Each structure stands twice: as C-alpha cells, then as structure tokens.
C-alpha cells in the first residue's frame, strides 16, 4: 500500500489513452471548459473544477478513479482525490495535453462572452 503522497499503481492504467482532446461530457452536451484533466485509470478527459460543469471531479465521484493529471500543455502535475494532495505521477500514453491551438476556454464557438463570470474559484 502506498503512502498518502505516493502513487498507488493499482489505480493507474499506463496503457489507457486519452478519451479525446476535450472534455467528454462538455462535447456531448454542448458545454465548454476552462482547463482539462486526464483520469489516470481510464483516460477520461474532463473539465477542471474552475469550469462550469466540473466534469473531472464528477468522474471521480462516479467511478472512484482517484488520480488525475493535467491535460494542459507544459503541465505535468498529478492529483489524488482520495488523499486530496499532489502526487508524483508516471508517464502515460500520448498525447499528454490538449492541442496547443485549442486555447482555453474552449471550444471557442461555445464560450459565452461572459465566460469569466461562470468560472468557479
């Protein structure tokens, strides 16, 4: 069993590829996101807790998949929902981030003019 701040590889699938390049639920429902997170257990891409719908955390609550990693270019941090702290991750299959030209918030054609008012702190 891993310490609280150590990665428990029993909860990571190092072969799971990302589910796409955007939040799976937002794309399916016409929503938009601010930043993206990747589930280390299944590759689900969900939107961050600052986003209106907070799908990455909802995915954890529905599945119990405890680890996420940033799906933003240049970021390589991991988070453990169970211990509520950062952990050191491992290498997952590419891609490791959303497309660079898909700048947040996205998708651009769905983002309201008042998008900043809809973000969670």
PDB file of N, CA and C in Angstrom:
ATOM      1  N   UNK A   1       0.851  -1.185   0.000  1.00  0.00           N
ATOM      2  CA  UNK A   1       0.000   0.000   0.000  1.00  0.00           C
ATOM      3  C   UNK A   1       0.895   1.247   0.000  1.00  0.00           C
ATOM      4  N   UNK A   2       0.556   2.212  -0.833  1.00  0.00           N
ATOM      5  CA  UNK A   2       1.357   3.431  -0.955  1.00  0.00           C
ATOM      6  C   UNK A   2       1.049   4.400   0.174  1.00  0.00           C
ATOM      7  N   UNK A   3       2.062   5.216   0.526  1.00  0.00           N
ATOM      8  CA  UNK A   3       1.811   6.309   1.460  1.00  0.00           C
ATOM      9  C   UNK A   3       0.857   7.294   0.797  1.00  0.00           C
ATOM     10  N   UNK A   4       0.289   8.203   1.600  1.00  0.00           N
ATOM     11  CA  UNK A   4      -0.700   9.129   1.052  1.00  0.00           C
ATOM     12  C   UNK A   4      -0.163   9.967  -0.104  1.00  0.00           C
ATOM     13  N   UNK A   5       1.109  10.344  -0.061  1.00  0.00           N
ATOM     14  CA  UNK A   5       1.625  11.197  -1.127  1.00  0.00           C
ATOM     15  C   UNK A   5       2.378  10.405  -2.193  1.00  0.00           C
ATOM     16  N   UNK A   6       2.284   9.082  -2.167  1.00  0.00           N
ATOM     17  CA  UNK A   6       2.887   8.232  -3.186  1.00  0.00           C
ATOM     18  C   UNK A   6       1.808   7.661  -4.085  1.00  0.00           C
ATOM     19  N   UNK A   7       2.138   7.518  -5.335  1.00  0.00           N
ATOM     20  CA  UNK A   7       1.221   6.968  -6.316  1.00  0.00           C
ATOM     21  C   UNK A   7       1.017   5.470  -6.075  1.00  0.00           C
ATOM     22  N   UNK A   8      -0.219   5.035  -6.029  1.00  0.00           N
ATOM     23  CA  UNK A   8      -0.553   3.619  -5.923  1.00  0.00           C
ATOM     24  C   UNK A   8      -0.847   3.120  -7.334  1.00  0.00           C
ATOM     25  N   UNK A   9       0.086   2.390  -7.929  1.00  0.00           N
ATOM     26  CA  UNK A   9      -0.050   1.960  -9.323  1.00  0.00           C
ATOM     27  C   UNK A   9      -1.217   1.006  -9.556  1.00  0.00           C
ATOM     28  N   UNK A  10      -1.812   0.502  -8.489  1.00  0.00           N
ATOM     29  CA  UNK A  10      -3.019  -0.325  -8.646  1.00  0.00           C
ATOM     30  C   UNK A  10      -4.196   0.497  -9.173  1.00  0.00           C
ATOM     31  N   UNK A  11      -4.069   1.821  -9.139  1.00  0.00           N
ATOM     32  CA  UNK A  11      -5.142   2.712  -9.579  1.00  0.00           C
ATOM     33  C   UNK A  11      -4.768   3.488 -10.839  1.00  0.00           C
ATOM     34  N   UNK A  12      -3.738   3.022 -11.542  1.00  0.00           N
ATOM     35  CA  UNK A  12      -3.255   3.688 -12.756  1.00  0.00           C
ATOM     36  C   UNK A  12      -3.176   2.660 -13.872  1.00  0.00           C
ATOM     37  N   UNK A  13      -3.672   3.031 -15.052  1.00  0.00           N
ATOM     38  CA  UNK A  13      -3.520   2.193 -16.239  1.00  0.00           C
ATOM     39  C   UNK A  13      -2.565   2.909 -17.183  1.00  0.00           C
ATOM     40  N   UNK A  14      -1.321   2.465 -17.211  1.00  0.00           N
ATOM     41  CA  UNK A  14      -0.312   3.137 -18.024  1.00  0.00           C
ATOM     42  C   UNK A  14      -0.499   2.895 -19.520  1.00  0.00           C
ATOM     43  N   UNK A  15      -1.513   2.137 -19.897  1.00  0.00           N
ATOM     44  CA  UNK A  15      -1.829   1.928 -21.310  1.00  0.00           C
ATOM     45  C   UNK A  15      -3.068   2.706 -21.753  1.00  0.00           C
ATOM     46  N   UNK A  16      -3.799   3.295 -20.812  1.00  0.00           N
ATOM     47  CA  UNK A  16      -5.051   3.998 -21.150  1.00  0.00           C
ATOM     48  C   UNK A  16      -4.765   5.302 -21.875  1.00  0.00           C
ATOM     49  N   UNK A  17      -5.275   5.404 -23.083  1.00  0.00           N
ATOM     50  CA  UNK A  17      -5.093   6.617 -23.881  1.00  0.00           C
ATOM     51  C   UNK A  17      -6.197   7.620 -23.551  1.00  0.00           C
ATOM     52  N   UNK A  18      -5.947   8.913 -23.791  1.00  0.00           N
ATOM     53  CA  UNK A  18      -6.971   9.927 -23.524  1.00  0.00           C
ATOM     54  C   UNK A  18      -8.243   9.661 -24.331  1.00  0.00           C
ATOM     55  N   UNK A  19      -9.373   9.994 -23.738  1.00  0.00           N
ATOM     56  CA  UNK A  19     -10.660   9.781 -24.396  1.00  0.00           C
ATOM     57  C   UNK A  19     -10.893  10.746 -25.551  1.00  0.00           C
ATOM     58  N   UNK A  20     -10.097  11.773 -25.660  1.00  0.00           N
ATOM     59  CA  UNK A  20     -10.227  12.752 -26.737  1.00  0.00           C
ATOM     60  C   UNK A  20      -9.357  13.947 -26.439  1.00  0.00           C
ATOM     61  N   UNK A  21      -9.632  15.059 -27.105  1.00  0.00           N
ATOM     62  CA  UNK A  21      -8.839  16.270 -26.894  1.00  0.00           C
ATOM     63  C   UNK A  21      -9.613  17.348 -26.145  1.00  0.00           C
ATOM     64  N   UNK A  22     -10.828  17.015 -25.732  1.00  0.00           N
ATOM     65  CA  UNK A  22     -11.649  17.953 -24.965  1.00  0.00           C
ATOM     66  C   UNK A  22     -12.462  17.200 -23.939  1.00  0.00           C
ATOM     67  N   UNK A  23     -13.150  17.933 -23.083  1.00  0.00           N
ATOM     68  CA  UNK A  23     -13.987  17.315 -22.048  1.00  0.00           C
ATOM     69  C   UNK A  23     -15.082  16.475 -22.702  1.00  0.00           C
ATOM     70  N   UNK A  24     -15.098  15.193 -22.371  1.00  0.00           N
ATOM     71  CA  UNK A  24     -16.041  14.261 -22.988  1.00  0.00           C
ATOM     72  C   UNK A  24     -17.492  14.695 -22.787  1.00  0.00           C
ATOM     73  N   UNK A  25     -17.849  15.071 -21.568  1.00  0.00           N
ATOM     74  CA  UNK A  25     -19.239  15.448 -21.288  1.00  0.00           C
ATOM     75  C   UNK A  25     -19.606  16.789 -21.901  1.00  0.00           C
ATOM     76  N   UNK A  26     -18.698  17.764 -21.836  1.00  0.00           N
ATOM     77  CA  UNK A  26     -18.989  19.074 -22.439  1.00  0.00           C
ATOM     78  C   UNK A  26     -19.193  18.942 -23.942  1.00  0.00           C
ATOM     79  N   UNK A  27     -18.368  18.130 -24.591  1.00  0.00           N
ATOM     80  CA  UNK A  27     -18.525  17.930 -26.031  1.00  0.00           C
ATOM     81  C   UNK A  27     -19.864  17.269 -26.346  1.00  0.00           C
ATOM     82  N   UNK A  28     -20.291  16.347 -25.498  1.00  0.00           N
ATOM     83  CA  UNK A  28     -21.548  15.629 -25.727  1.00  0.00           C
ATOM     84  C   UNK A  28     -22.777  16.484 -25.459  1.00  0.00           C
ATOM     85  N   UNK A  29     -22.645  17.482 -24.578  1.00  0.00           N
ATOM     86  CA  UNK A  29     -23.820  18.257 -24.161  1.00  0.00           C
ATOM     87  C   UNK A  29     -23.820  19.700 -24.646  1.00  0.00           C
ATOM     88  N   UNK A  30     -22.811  20.086 -25.427  1.00  0.00           N
ATOM     89  CA  UNK A  30     -22.761  21.461 -25.920  1.00  0.00           C
ATOM     90  C   UNK A  30     -22.136  22.433 -24.946  1.00  0.00           C
ATOM     91  N   UNK A  31     -21.453  21.930 -23.925  1.00  0.00           N
ATOM     92  CA  UNK A  31     -20.832  22.787 -22.921  1.00  0.00           C
ATOM     93  C   UNK A  31     -19.460  23.280 -23.345  1.00  0.00           C
ATOM     94  N   UNK A  32     -18.803  23.939 -22.411  1.00  0.00           N
ATOM     95  CA  UNK A  32     -17.449  24.458 -22.633  1.00  0.00           C
ATOM     96  C   UNK A  32     -16.639  24.288 -21.366  1.00  0.00           C
ATOM     97  N   UNK A  33     -15.323  24.393 -21.490  1.00  0.00           N
ATOM     98  CA  UNK A  33     -14.433  24.178 -20.350  1.00  0.00           C
ATOM     99  C   UNK A  33     -13.357  25.246 -20.303  1.00  0.00           C
ATOM    100  N   UNK A  34     -12.718  25.314 -19.129  1.00  0.00           N
ATOM    101  CA  UNK A  34     -11.594  26.225 -18.937  1.00  0.00           C
ATOM    102  C   UNK A  34     -10.280  25.451 -19.099  1.00  0.00           C
ATOM    103  N   UNK A  35     -10.028  24.486 -18.230  1.00  0.00           N
ATOM    104  CA  UNK A  35      -8.846  23.633 -18.348  1.00  0.00           C
ATOM    105  C   UNK A  35      -9.270  22.174 -18.291  1.00  0.00           C
ATOM    106  N   UNK A  36      -8.378  21.305 -18.754  1.00  0.00           N
ATOM    107  CA  UNK A  36      -8.705  19.884 -18.861  1.00  0.00           C
ATOM    108  C   UNK A  36      -7.855  19.029 -17.939  1.00  0.00           C
ATOM    109  N   UNK A  37      -8.447  17.914 -17.499  1.00  0.00           N
ATOM    110  CA  UNK A  37      -7.795  16.943 -16.636  1.00  0.00           C
ATOM    111  C   UNK A  37      -7.971  15.551 -17.232  1.00  0.00           C
ATOM    112  N   UNK A  38      -6.982  14.691 -17.009  1.00  0.00           N
ATOM    113  CA  UNK A  38      -6.996  13.327 -17.548  1.00  0.00           C
ATOM    114  C   UNK A  38      -7.020  12.321 -16.404  1.00  0.00           C
ATOM    115  N   UNK A  39      -7.937  11.394 -16.467  1.00  0.00           N
ATOM    116  CA  UNK A  39      -8.019  10.324 -15.473  1.00  0.00           C
ATOM    117  C   UNK A  39      -6.899   9.320 -15.742  1.00  0.00           C
ATOM    118  N   UNK A  40      -6.135   8.993 -14.703  1.00  0.00           N
ATOM    119  CA  UNK A  40      -5.018   8.063 -14.848  1.00  0.00           C
ATOM    120  C   UNK A  40      -5.468   6.607 -14.872  1.00  0.00           C
ATOM    121  N   UNK A  41      -6.710   6.342 -14.527  1.00  0.00           N
ATOM    122  CA  UNK A  41      -7.203   4.966 -14.529  1.00  0.00           C
ATOM    123  C   UNK A  41      -7.793   4.559 -15.876  1.00  0.00           C
ATOM    124  N   UNK A  42      -8.450   5.492 -16.565  1.00  0.00           N
ATOM    125  CA  UNK A  42      -9.157   5.118 -17.801  1.00  0.00           C
ATOM    126  C   UNK A  42      -8.923   6.066 -18.969  1.00  0.00           C
ATOM    127  N   UNK A  43      -8.269   7.209 -18.746  1.00  0.00           N
ATOM    128  CA  UNK A  43      -8.010   8.155 -19.823  1.00  0.00           C
ATOM    129  C   UNK A  43      -9.107   9.175 -20.051  1.00  0.00           C
ATOM    130  N   UNK A  44     -10.175   9.130 -19.261  1.00  0.00           N
ATOM    131  CA  UNK A  44     -11.272  10.095 -19.411  1.00  0.00           C
ATOM    132  C   UNK A  44     -10.736  11.523 -19.327  1.00  0.00           C
ATOM    133  N   UNK A  45     -11.127  12.351 -20.278  1.00  0.00           N
ATOM    134  CA  UNK A  45     -10.781  13.765 -20.242  1.00  0.00           C
ATOM    135  C   UNK A  45     -12.008  14.523 -19.745  1.00  0.00           C
ATOM    136  N   UNK A  46     -11.806  15.259 -18.653  1.00  0.00           N
ATOM    137  CA  UNK A  46     -12.887  16.046 -18.063  1.00  0.00           C
ATOM    138  C   UNK A  46     -12.410  17.460 -17.781  1.00  0.00           C
ATOM    139  N   UNK A  47     -13.359  18.352 -17.575  1.00  0.00           N
ATOM    140  CA  UNK A  47     -13.013  19.748 -17.311  1.00  0.00           C
ATOM    141  C   UNK A  47     -12.693  19.955 -15.829  1.00  0.00           C
ATOM    142  N   UNK A  48     -11.869  20.961 -15.576  1.00  0.00           N
ATOM    143  CA  UNK A  48     -11.364  21.250 -14.229  1.00  0.00           C
ATOM    144  C   UNK A  48     -12.446  21.816 -13.311  1.00  0.00           C
ATOM    145  N   UNK A  49     -12.105  21.963 -12.049  1.00  0.00           N
ATOM    146  CA  UNK A  49     -13.052  22.487 -11.067  1.00  0.00           C
ATOM    147  C   UNK A  49     -13.344  23.972 -11.235  1.00  0.00           C
ATOM    148  N   UNK A  50     -12.541  24.694 -12.015  1.00  0.00           N
ATOM    149  CA  UNK A  50     -12.864  26.088 -12.324  1.00  0.00           C
ATOM    150  C   UNK A  50     -13.913  26.179 -13.428  1.00  0.00           C
ATOM    151  N   UNK A  51     -14.039  25.128 -14.219  1.00  0.00           N
ATOM    152  CA  UNK A  51     -15.007  25.087 -15.314  1.00  0.00           C
ATOM    153  C   UNK A  51     -16.433  25.023 -14.765  1.00  0.00           C
ATOM    154  N   UNK A  52     -17.410  25.490 -15.547  1.00  0.00           N
ATOM    155  CA  UNK A  52     -18.795  25.493 -15.060  1.00  0.00           C
ATOM    156  C   UNK A  52     -19.316  24.122 -14.615  1.00  0.00           C
ATOM    157  N   UNK A  53     -18.943  23.054 -15.326  1.00  0.00           N
ATOM    158  CA  UNK A  53     -19.538  21.744 -15.029  1.00  0.00           C
ATOM    159  C   UNK A  53     -18.670  20.806 -14.199  1.00  0.00           C
ATOM    160  N   UNK A  54     -17.403  21.079 -14.042  1.00  0.00           N
ATOM    161  CA  UNK A  54     -16.509  20.321 -13.163  1.00  0.00           C
ATOM    162  C   UNK A  54     -16.587  18.801 -13.399  1.00  0.00           C
ATOM    163  N   UNK A  55     -16.468  18.410 -14.667  1.00  0.00           N
ATOM    164  CA  UNK A  55     -16.649  17.009 -15.024  1.00  0.00           C
ATOM    165  C   UNK A  55     -15.527  16.077 -14.555  1.00  0.00           C
ATOM    166  N   UNK A  56     -14.307  16.557 -14.389  1.00  0.00           N
ATOM    167  CA  UNK A  56     -13.238  15.676 -13.909  1.00  0.00           C
ATOM    168  C   UNK A  56     -13.543  15.182 -12.491  1.00  0.00           C
ATOM    169  N   UNK A  57     -13.954  16.089 -11.624  1.00  0.00           N
ATOM    170  CA  UNK A  57     -14.304  15.693 -10.259  1.00  0.00           C
ATOM    171  C   UNK A  57     -15.559  14.833 -10.243  1.00  0.00           C
ATOM    172  N   UNK A  58     -16.522  15.136 -11.103  1.00  0.00           N
ATOM    173  CA  UNK A  58     -17.730  14.301 -11.200  1.00  0.00           C
ATOM    174  C   UNK A  58     -17.353  12.881 -11.624  1.00  0.00           C
ATOM    175  N   UNK A  59     -16.389  12.760 -12.520  1.00  0.00           N
ATOM    176  CA  UNK A  59     -15.918  11.432 -12.953  1.00  0.00           C
ATOM    177  C   UNK A  59     -15.338  10.665 -11.760  1.00  0.00           C
ATOM    178  N   UNK A  60     -14.538  11.324 -10.946  1.00  0.00           N
ATOM    179  CA  UNK A  60     -14.007  10.677  -9.744  1.00  0.00           C
ATOM    180  C   UNK A  60     -15.147  10.210  -8.839  1.00  0.00           C
ATOM    181  N   UNK A  61     -16.119  11.059  -8.603  1.00  0.00           N
ATOM    182  CA  UNK A  61     -17.239  10.696  -7.715  1.00  0.00           C
ATOM    183  C   UNK A  61     -18.041   9.521  -8.252  1.00  0.00           C
ATOM    184  N   UNK A  62     -18.171   9.442  -9.574  1.00  0.00           N
ATOM    185  CA  UNK A  62     -18.943   8.356 -10.179  1.00  0.00           C
ATOM    186  C   UNK A  62     -18.167   7.044 -10.257  1.00  0.00           C
ATOM    187  N   UNK A  63     -16.858   7.135 -10.431  1.00  0.00           N
ATOM    188  CA  UNK A  63     -16.069   5.926 -10.698  1.00  0.00           C
ATOM    189  C   UNK A  63     -15.129   5.522  -9.572  1.00  0.00           C
ATOM    190  N   UNK A  64     -14.729   6.486  -8.728  1.00  0.00           N
ATOM    191  CA  UNK A  64     -13.719   6.213  -7.716  1.00  0.00           C
ATOM    192  C   UNK A  64     -12.306   6.245  -8.264  1.00  0.00           C
ATOM    193  N   UNK A  65     -12.133   6.629  -9.518  1.00  0.00           N
ATOM    194  CA  UNK A  65     -10.794   6.742 -10.112  1.00  0.00           C
ATOM    195  C   UNK A  65     -10.095   7.924  -9.462  1.00  0.00           C
ATOM    196  N   UNK A  66      -9.154   7.630  -8.622  1.00  0.00           N
ATOM    197  CA  UNK A  66      -8.632   8.629  -7.688  1.00  0.00           C
ATOM    198  C   UNK A  66      -7.602   9.598  -8.249  1.00  0.00           C
ATOM    199  N   UNK A  67      -6.882   9.245  -9.317  1.00  0.00           N
ATOM    200  CA  UNK A  67      -5.796  10.094  -9.802  1.00  0.00           C
ATOM    201  C   UNK A  67      -6.152  10.810 -11.101  1.00  0.00           C
ATOM    202  N   UNK A  68      -5.800  12.083 -11.151  1.00  0.00           N
ATOM    203  CA  UNK A  68      -5.875  12.842 -12.396  1.00  0.00           C
ATOM    204  C   UNK A  68      -4.526  13.504 -12.630  1.00  0.00           C
ATOM    205  N   UNK A  69      -4.316  13.882 -13.865  1.00  0.00           N
ATOM    206  CA  UNK A  69      -3.155  14.666 -14.234  1.00  0.00           C
ATOM    207  C   UNK A  69      -3.642  15.806 -15.124  1.00  0.00           C
ATOM    208  N   UNK A  70      -2.896  16.874 -15.155  1.00  0.00           N
ATOM    209  CA  UNK A  70      -3.260  17.978 -16.029  1.00  0.00           C
ATOM    210  C   UNK A  70      -3.207  17.511 -17.478  1.00  0.00           C
ATOM    211  N   UNK A  71      -4.119  18.016 -18.294  1.00  0.00           N
ATOM    212  CA  UNK A  71      -4.114  17.761 -19.730  1.00  0.00           C
ATOM    213  C   UNK A  71      -3.889  19.083 -20.464  1.00  0.00           C
ATOM    214  N   UNK A  72      -3.085  19.938 -19.823  1.00  0.00           N
ATOM    215  CA  UNK A  72      -2.726  21.242 -20.383  1.00  0.00           C
ATOM    216  C   UNK A  72      -1.265  21.214 -20.822  1.00  0.00           C
ATOM    217  N   UNK A  73      -0.951  21.837 -21.969  1.00  0.00           N
ATOM    218  CA  UNK A  73       0.437  21.862 -22.449  1.00  0.00           C
ATOM    219  C   UNK A  73       1.386  22.454 -21.404  1.00  0.00           C
ATOM    220  N   UNK A  74       2.522  21.796 -21.229  1.00  0.00           N
ATOM    221  CA  UNK A  74       3.549  22.295 -20.316  1.00  0.00           C
ATOM    222  C   UNK A  74       3.313  21.993 -18.852  1.00  0.00           C
ATOM    223  N   UNK A  75       2.208  21.338 -18.519  1.00  0.00           N
ATOM    224  CA  UNK A  75       1.930  20.986 -17.118  1.00  0.00           C
ATOM    225  C   UNK A  75       2.074  19.475 -16.949  1.00  0.00           C
ATOM    226  N   UNK A  76       2.699  19.060 -15.853  1.00  0.00           N
ATOM    227  CA  UNK A  76       2.860  17.613 -15.628  1.00  0.00           C
ATOM    228  C   UNK A  76       2.556  17.225 -14.178  1.00  0.00           C
ATOM    229  N   UNK A  77       1.658  17.942 -13.531  1.00  0.00           N
ATOM    230  CA  UNK A  77       1.315  17.618 -12.149  1.00  0.00           C
ATOM    231  C   UNK A  77       0.210  16.560 -12.101  1.00  0.00           C
ATOM    232  N   UNK A  78       0.153  15.870 -10.961  1.00  0.00           N
ATOM    233  CA  UNK A  78      -0.872  14.857 -10.683  1.00  0.00           C
ATOM    234  C   UNK A  78      -1.588  15.221  -9.385  1.00  0.00           C
ATOM    235  N   UNK A  79      -2.828  14.755  -9.256  1.00  0.00           N
ATOM    236  CA  UNK A  79      -3.617  14.996  -8.052  1.00  0.00           C
ATOM    237  C   UNK A  79      -4.300  13.702  -7.640  1.00  0.00           C
ATOM    238  N   UNK A  80      -4.342  13.477  -6.336  1.00  0.00           N
ATOM    239  CA  UNK A  80      -5.013  12.310  -5.748  1.00  0.00           C
ATOM    240  C   UNK A  80      -6.263  12.816  -5.045  1.00  0.00           C
ATOM    241  N   UNK A  81      -7.428  12.512  -5.605  1.00  0.00           N
ATOM    242  CA  UNK A  81      -8.686  12.935  -4.984  1.00  0.00           C
ATOM    243  C   UNK A  81      -8.881  12.294  -3.608  1.00  0.00           C
ATOM    244  N   UNK A  82      -8.407  11.063  -3.434  1.00  0.00           N
ATOM    245  CA  UNK A  82      -8.622  10.351  -2.176  1.00  0.00           C
ATOM    246  C   UNK A  82      -7.877  10.989  -1.015  1.00  0.00           C
ATOM    247  N   UNK A  83      -6.610  11.341  -1.233  1.00  0.00           N
ATOM    248  CA  UNK A  83      -5.835  11.982  -0.165  1.00  0.00           C
ATOM    249  C   UNK A  83      -5.908  13.504  -0.233  1.00  0.00           C
ATOM    250  N   UNK A  84      -6.484  14.032  -1.311  1.00  0.00           N
ATOM    251  CA  UNK A  84      -6.630  15.475  -1.508  1.00  0.00           C
ATOM    252  C   UNK A  84      -5.273  16.181  -1.502  1.00  0.00           C
ATOM    253  N   UNK A  85      -4.324  15.589  -2.240  1.00  0.00           N
ATOM    254  CA  UNK A  85      -2.996  16.197  -2.332  1.00  0.00           C
ATOM    255  C   UNK A  85      -2.299  15.788  -3.628  1.00  0.00           C
ATOM    256  N   UNK A  86      -1.255  16.533  -3.946  1.00  0.00           N
ATOM    257  CA  UNK A  86      -0.455  16.240  -5.129  1.00  0.00           C
ATOM    258  C   UNK A  86       0.350  14.969  -4.921  1.00  0.00           C
ATOM    259  N   UNK A  87       0.568  14.238  -6.014  1.00  0.00           N
ATOM    260  CA  UNK A  87       1.398  13.035  -6.005  1.00  0.00           C
ATOM    261  C   UNK A  87       2.320  13.080  -7.218  1.00  0.00           C
ATOM    262  N   UNK A  88       3.406  12.333  -7.134  1.00  0.00           N
ATOM    263  CA  UNK A  88       4.315  12.214  -8.272  1.00  0.00           C
ATOM    264  C   UNK A  88       3.770  11.143  -9.199  1.00  0.00           C
ATOM    265  N   UNK A  89       3.585  11.493 -10.461  1.00  0.00           N
ATOM    266  CA  UNK A  89       2.982  10.579 -11.416  1.00  0.00           C
ATOM    267  C   UNK A  89       3.982   9.785 -12.219  1.00  0.00           C
ATOM    268  N   UNK A  90       3.458   9.106 -13.225  1.00  0.00           N
ATOM    269  CA  UNK A  90       4.248   8.303 -14.153  1.00  0.00           C
ATOM    270  C   UNK A  90       3.915   8.751 -15.571  1.00  0.00           C
ATOM    271  N   UNK A  91       4.626   8.223 -16.538  1.00  0.00           N
ATOM    272  CA  UNK A  91       4.373   8.560 -17.931  1.00  0.00           C
ATOM    273  C   UNK A  91       3.176   7.777 -18.451  1.00  0.00           C
ATOM    274  N   UNK A  92       2.254   8.498 -19.079  1.00  0.00           N
ATOM    275  CA  UNK A  92       1.074   7.888 -19.693  1.00  0.00           C
ATOM    276  C   UNK A  92       1.193   8.001 -21.216  1.00  0.00           C
ATOM    277  N   UNK A  93       0.418   7.206 -21.965  1.00  0.00           N
ATOM    278  CA  UNK A  93       0.498   7.270 -23.426  1.00  0.00           C
ATOM    279  C   UNK A  93       0.135   8.654 -23.957  1.00  0.00           C
ATOM    280  N   UNK A  94       0.769   9.055 -25.051  1.00  0.00           N
ATOM    281  CA  UNK A  94       0.436  10.343 -25.648  1.00  0.00           C
ATOM    282  C   UNK A  94      -0.956  10.311 -26.275  1.00  0.00           C
ATOM    283  N   UNK A  95      -1.526  11.482 -26.496  1.00  0.00           N
ATOM    284  CA  UNK A  95      -0.960  12.787 -26.174  1.00  0.00           C
ATOM    285  C   UNK A  95      -1.060  13.076 -24.681  1.00  0.00           C
ATOM    286  N   UNK A  96      -0.180  13.952 -24.195  1.00  0.00           N
ATOM    287  CA  UNK A  96      -0.192  14.296 -22.777  1.00  0.00           C
ATOM    288  C   UNK A  96      -0.830  15.655 -22.516  1.00  0.00           C
ATOM    289  N   UNK A  97      -1.402  16.259 -23.559  1.00  0.00           N
ATOM    290  CA  UNK A  97      -2.055  17.554 -23.406  1.00  0.00           C
ATOM    291  C   UNK A  97      -3.013  17.798 -24.570  1.00  0.00           C
ATOM    292  N   UNK A  98      -3.908  18.729 -24.351  1.00  0.00           N
ATOM    293  CA  UNK A  98      -4.808  19.170 -25.415  1.00  0.00           C
ATOM    294  C   UNK A  98      -3.972  19.788 -26.531  1.00  0.00           C
ATOM    295  N   UNK A  99      -4.543  19.936 -27.738  1.00  0.00           N
ATOM    296  CA  UNK A  99      -3.809  20.616 -28.801  1.00  0.00           C
ATOM    297  C   UNK A  99      -3.460  22.054 -28.387  1.00  0.00           C
ATOM    298  N   UNK A 100      -2.257  22.478 -28.710  1.00  0.00           N
ATOM    299  CA  UNK A 100      -1.793  23.815 -28.329  1.00  0.00           C
ATOM    300  C   UNK A 100      -2.694  24.899 -28.896  1.00  0.00           C
ATOM    301  N   UNK A 101      -3.243  24.697 -30.086  1.00  0.00           N
ATOM    302  CA  UNK A 101      -4.095  25.718 -30.706  1.00  0.00           C
ATOM    303  C   UNK A 101      -5.516  25.738 -30.141  1.00  0.00           C
ATOM    304  N   UNK A 102      -5.834  24.839 -29.235  1.00  0.00           N
ATOM    305  CA  UNK A 102      -7.148  24.788 -28.583  1.00  0.00           C
ATOM    306  C   UNK A 102      -7.052  25.538 -27.255  1.00  0.00           C
ATOM    307  N   UNK A 103      -6.810  26.832 -27.339  1.00  0.00           N
ATOM    308  CA  UNK A 103      -6.588  27.652 -26.139  1.00  0.00           C
ATOM    309  C   UNK A 103      -7.843  27.748 -25.284  1.00  0.00           C
ATOM    310  N   UNK A 104      -7.675  27.742 -23.973  1.00  0.00           N
ATOM    311  CA  UNK A 104      -8.842  27.875 -23.090  1.00  0.00           C
ATOM    312  C   UNK A 104      -9.330  29.312 -23.041  1.00  0.00           C
ATOM    313  N   UNK A 105     -10.585  29.507 -22.799  1.00  0.00           N
ATOM    314  CA  UNK A 105     -11.631  28.486 -22.690  1.00  0.00           C
ATOM    315  C   UNK A 105     -11.990  27.932 -24.066  1.00  0.00           C
ATOM    316  N   UNK A 106     -12.550  26.742 -24.081  1.00  0.00           N
ATOM    317  CA  UNK A 106     -12.837  26.062 -25.343  1.00  0.00           C
ATOM    318  C   UNK A 106     -14.096  25.197 -25.202  1.00  0.00           C
ATOM    319  N   UNK A 107     -14.643  24.751 -26.312  1.00  0.00           N
ATOM    320  CA  UNK A 107     -14.398  25.182 -27.678  1.00  0.00           C
ATOM    321  C   UNK A 107     -14.893  26.619 -27.899  1.00  0.00           C
ATOM    322  N   UNK A 108     -14.130  27.379 -28.624  1.00  0.00           N
ATOM    323  CA  UNK A 108     -14.378  28.820 -28.776  1.00  0.00           C
ATOM    324  C   UNK A 108     -15.800  29.146 -29.227  1.00  0.00           C
ATOM    325  N   UNK A 109     -16.365  28.335 -30.086  1.00  0.00           N
ATOM    326  CA  UNK A 109     -17.705  28.647 -30.596  1.00  0.00           C
ATOM    327  C   UNK A 109     -18.806  28.424 -29.558  1.00  0.00           C
ATOM    328  N   UNK A 110     -18.483  27.860 -28.402  1.00  0.00           N
ATOM    329  CA  UNK A 110     -19.479  27.626 -27.350  1.00  0.00           C
ATOM    330  C   UNK A 110     -19.277  28.509 -26.127  1.00  0.00           C
ATOM    331  N   UNK A 111     -18.184  29.248 -26.088  1.00  0.00           N
ATOM    332  CA  UNK A 111     -17.844  30.035 -24.907  1.00  0.00           C
ATOM    333  C   UNK A 111     -18.635  31.348 -24.915  1.00  0.00           C
ATOM    334  N   UNK A 112     -19.415  31.591 -23.855  1.00  0.00           N
ATOM    335  CA  UNK A 112     -20.186  32.840 -23.800  1.00  0.00           C
ATOM    336  C   UNK A 112     -19.285  34.056 -23.576  1.00  0.00           C
ATOM    337  N   UNK A 113     -19.760  35.207 -23.982  1.00  0.00           N
ATOM    338  CA  UNK A 113     -18.984  36.434 -23.799  1.00  0.00           C
ATOM    339  C   UNK A 113     -18.667  36.682 -22.334  1.00  0.00           C
ATOM    340  N   UNK A 114     -19.547  36.272 -21.462  1.00  0.00           N
ATOM    341  CA  UNK A 114     -19.363  36.485 -20.018  1.00  0.00           C
ATOM    342  C   UNK A 114     -18.768  35.254 -19.336  1.00  0.00           C
ATOM    343  N   UNK A 115     -17.916  34.506 -20.046  1.00  0.00           N
ATOM    344  CA  UNK A 115     -17.394  33.239 -19.546  1.00  0.00           C
ATOM    345  C   UNK A 115     -16.686  33.379 -18.203  1.00  0.00           C
ATOM    346  N   UNK A 116     -16.003  34.492 -17.986  1.00  0.00           N
ATOM    347  CA  UNK A 116     -15.253  34.668 -16.735  1.00  0.00           C
ATOM    348  C   UNK A 116     -16.189  34.691 -15.528  1.00  0.00           C
ATOM    349  N   UNK A 117     -17.410  35.162 -15.730  1.00  0.00           N
ATOM    350  CA  UNK A 117     -18.387  35.199 -14.640  1.00  0.00           C
ATOM    351  C   UNK A 117     -18.892  33.802 -14.267  1.00  0.00           C
ATOM    352  N   UNK A 118     -18.703  32.838 -15.155  1.00  0.00           N
ATOM    353  CA  UNK A 118     -19.200  31.483 -14.926  1.00  0.00           C
ATOM    354  C   UNK A 118     -18.145  30.554 -14.323  1.00  0.00           C
ATOM    355  N   UNK A 119     -16.914  31.022 -14.163  1.00  0.00           N
ATOM    356  CA  UNK A 119     -15.864  30.189 -13.587  1.00  0.00           C
ATOM    357  C   UNK A 119     -16.044  30.041 -12.081  1.00  0.00           C
ATOM    358  N   UNK A 120     -15.639  28.901 -11.569  1.00  0.00           N
ATOM    359  CA  UNK A 120     -15.634  28.647 -10.121  1.00  0.00           C
ATOM    360  C   UNK A 120     -14.263  29.019  -9.586  1.00  0.00           C
ATOM    361  N   UNK A 121     -14.230  29.554  -8.400  1.00  0.00           N
ATOM    362  CA  UNK A 121     -12.939  29.930  -7.788  1.00  0.00           C
ATOM    363  C   UNK A 121     -12.250  28.731  -7.213  1.00  0.00           C
TER     364      UNK A 121
END
